[in-house]
Amino acid sequence: MARITRTRTEDISIEAFRLDLDEGERKALRADPGGYLRKLMENEGYTVNGIFVDAKFGSQDCEDWEVVHFLSGVQASHCGVMCIQVM
């Protein structure tokens, strides 16, 4: 039977951003989500040590994205891009 075990707990701080992209920018993001997001965040002055990409990222239902930037904790300076599905 599958099991999940918590390995640590900590308070973390994050920032969340909504991406506002035109069609060309959407294509660039879909083609290389990690590279596109890294360039976007670094151009805004952020340090990016790693990027997490939502498994639903390439889905046709994924029309908008939210970016989470971890400010503290073990994942500090990592970003995650998550699909926001439009119902």
C-alpha atoms as a PDB file:
ATOM      1  CA  MET A   1       0.000   0.000   0.000  1.00  0.00           C
ATOM      2  CA  ALA A   2       1.347   3.457  -0.923  1.00  0.00           C
ATOM      3  CA  ARG A   3       2.307   5.705   1.927  1.00  0.00           C
ATOM      4  CA  ILE A   4       3.424   9.300   2.302  1.00  0.00           C
ATOM      5  CA  THR A   5       5.612  10.366   5.210  1.00  0.00           C
ATOM      6  CA  ARG A   6       6.285  13.947   6.246  1.00  0.00           C
ATOM      7  CA  THR A   7      10.014  14.549   6.398  1.00  0.00           C
ATOM      8  CA  ARG A   8      10.000  18.105   7.732  1.00  0.00           C
ATOM      9  CA  THR A   9       7.775  21.015   8.600  1.00  0.00           C
ATOM     10  CA  GLU A  10       8.713  24.654   8.463  1.00  0.00           C
ATOM     11  CA  ASP A  11       7.176  28.055   8.033  1.00  0.00           C
ATOM     12  CA  ILE A  12       7.866  29.455   4.590  1.00  0.00           C
ATOM     13  CA  SER A  13       7.213  32.712   2.800  1.00  0.00           C
ATOM     14  CA  ILE A  14       6.106  32.829  -0.819  1.00  0.00           C
ATOM     15  CA  GLU A  15       5.076  35.329  -3.442  1.00  0.00           C
ATOM     16  CA  ALA A  16       2.440  34.429  -6.027  1.00  0.00           C
ATOM     17  CA  PHE A  17       2.149  35.968  -9.477  1.00  0.00           C
ATOM     18  CA  ARG A  18      -0.388  35.656 -12.276  1.00  0.00           C
ATOM     19  CA  LEU A  19       1.128  35.595 -15.752  1.00  0.00           C
ATOM     20  CA  ASP A  20      -0.367  37.964 -18.324  1.00  0.00           C
ATOM     21  CA  LEU A  21       0.883  36.725 -21.696  1.00  0.00           C
ATOM     22  CA  ASP A  22       0.075  37.404 -25.338  1.00  0.00           C
ATOM     23  CA  GLU A  23      -0.187  34.487 -27.779  1.00  0.00           C
ATOM     24  CA  GLY A  24       3.503  34.605 -28.766  1.00  0.00           C
ATOM     25  CA  GLU A  25       4.553  34.587 -25.111  1.00  0.00           C
ATOM     26  CA  ARG A  26       2.207  31.655 -24.426  1.00  0.00           C
ATOM     27  CA  LYS A  27       3.872  29.668 -27.217  1.00  0.00           C
ATOM     28  CA  ALA A  28       7.331  30.478 -25.840  1.00  0.00           C
ATOM     29  CA  LEU A  29       6.269  29.443 -22.321  1.00  0.00           C
ATOM     30  CA  ARG A  30       4.782  26.160 -23.560  1.00  0.00           C
ATOM     31  CA  ALA A  31       7.900  25.387 -25.628  1.00  0.00           C
ATOM     32  CA  ASP A  32      10.338  25.847 -22.720  1.00  0.00           C
ATOM     33  CA  PRO A  33       8.568  26.498 -19.404  1.00  0.00           C
ATOM     34  CA  GLY A  34      11.705  26.304 -17.251  1.00  0.00           C
ATOM     35  CA  GLY A  35      13.847  28.497 -19.480  1.00  0.00           C
ATOM     36  CA  TYR A  36      11.084  31.016 -20.122  1.00  0.00           C
ATOM     37  CA  LEU A  37      10.180  31.339 -16.445  1.00  0.00           C
ATOM     38  CA  ARG A  38      13.826  31.564 -15.360  1.00  0.00           C
ATOM     39  CA  LYS A  39      14.498  34.393 -17.837  1.00  0.00           C
ATOM     40  CA  LEU A  40      11.293  36.212 -16.859  1.00  0.00           C
ATOM     41  CA  MET A  41      12.028  36.048 -13.114  1.00  0.00           C
ATOM     42  CA  GLU A  42      15.730  36.878 -13.433  1.00  0.00           C
ATOM     43  CA  ASN A  43      14.879  39.895 -15.616  1.00  0.00           C
ATOM     44  CA  GLU A  44      12.747  41.098 -12.696  1.00  0.00           C
ATOM     45  CA  GLY A  45      15.726  40.780 -10.322  1.00  0.00           C
ATOM     46  CA  TYR A  46      14.912  37.414  -8.723  1.00  0.00           C
ATOM     47  CA  THR A  47      17.405  34.642  -8.062  1.00  0.00           C
ATOM     48  CA  VAL A  48      16.122  31.346  -9.454  1.00  0.00           C
ATOM     49  CA  ASN A  49      17.781  28.186  -8.133  1.00  0.00           C
ATOM     50  CA  GLY A  50      15.242  25.768  -9.598  1.00  0.00           C
ATOM     51  CA  ILE A  51      11.841  25.523 -11.235  1.00  0.00           C
ATOM     52  CA  PHE A  52       8.920  23.183 -10.584  1.00  0.00           C
ATOM     53  CA  VAL A  53       6.458  22.687 -13.457  1.00  0.00           C
ATOM     54  CA  ASP A  54       2.881  21.472 -12.896  1.00  0.00           C
ATOM     55  CA  ALA A  55       2.253  18.065 -14.489  1.00  0.00           C
ATOM     56  CA  LYS A  56      -0.905  19.509 -16.123  1.00  0.00           C
ATOM     57  CA  PHE A  57       1.183  22.241 -17.736  1.00  0.00           C
ATOM     58  CA  GLY A  58       0.808  21.147 -21.371  1.00  0.00           C
ATOM     59  CA  SER A  59      -2.878  20.276 -21.122  1.00  0.00           C
ATOM     60  CA  GLN A  60      -5.280  21.984 -23.512  1.00  0.00           C
ATOM     61  CA  ASP A  61      -7.372  22.923 -20.447  1.00  0.00           C
ATOM     62  CA  CYS A  62      -4.447  24.968 -19.133  1.00  0.00           C
ATOM     63  CA  GLU A  63      -5.027  28.520 -20.345  1.00  0.00           C
ATOM     64  CA  ASP A  64      -3.567  30.569 -17.510  1.00  0.00           C
ATOM     65  CA  TRP A  65      -0.666  30.080 -15.135  1.00  0.00           C
ATOM     66  CA  GLU A  66       0.315  31.169 -11.647  1.00  0.00           C
ATOM     67  CA  VAL A  67       3.930  31.438 -10.557  1.00  0.00           C
ATOM     68  CA  VAL A  68       4.930  30.831  -6.934  1.00  0.00           C
ATOM     69  CA  HIS A  69       8.333  32.100  -5.766  1.00  0.00           C
ATOM     70  CA  PHE A  70       9.615  30.594  -2.520  1.00  0.00           C
ATOM     71  CA  LEU A  71      11.304  33.280  -0.417  1.00  0.00           C
ATOM     72  CA  SER A  72      12.432  31.107   2.473  1.00  0.00           C
ATOM     73  CA  GLY A  73      12.850  27.530   3.584  1.00  0.00           C
ATOM     74  CA  VAL A  74      14.642  24.637   1.956  1.00  0.00           C
ATOM     75  CA  GLN A  75      13.249  25.616  -1.470  1.00  0.00           C
ATOM     76  CA  ALA A  76      14.212  29.312  -1.200  1.00  0.00           C
ATOM     77  CA  SER A  77      14.700  30.973  -4.588  1.00  0.00           C
ATOM     78  CA  HIS A  78      12.842  28.178  -6.375  1.00  0.00           C
ATOM     79  CA  CYS A  79       9.811  28.937  -8.537  1.00  0.00           C
ATOM     80  CA  GLY A  80       6.820  26.831  -9.422  1.00  0.00           C
ATOM     81  CA  VAL A  81       4.499  27.387 -12.356  1.00  0.00           C
ATOM     82  CA  MET A  82       1.004  25.974 -11.937  1.00  0.00           C
ATOM     83  CA  CYS A  83      -1.817  25.580 -14.385  1.00  0.00           C
ATOM     84  CA  ILE A  84      -5.044  27.440 -13.667  1.00  0.00           C
ATOM     85  CA  GLN A  85      -7.763  25.482 -15.409  1.00  0.00           C
ATOM     86  CA  VAL A  86     -10.651  27.458 -16.798  1.00  0.00           C
ATOM     87  CA  MET A  87     -13.950  25.725 -16.173  1.00  0.00           C
END
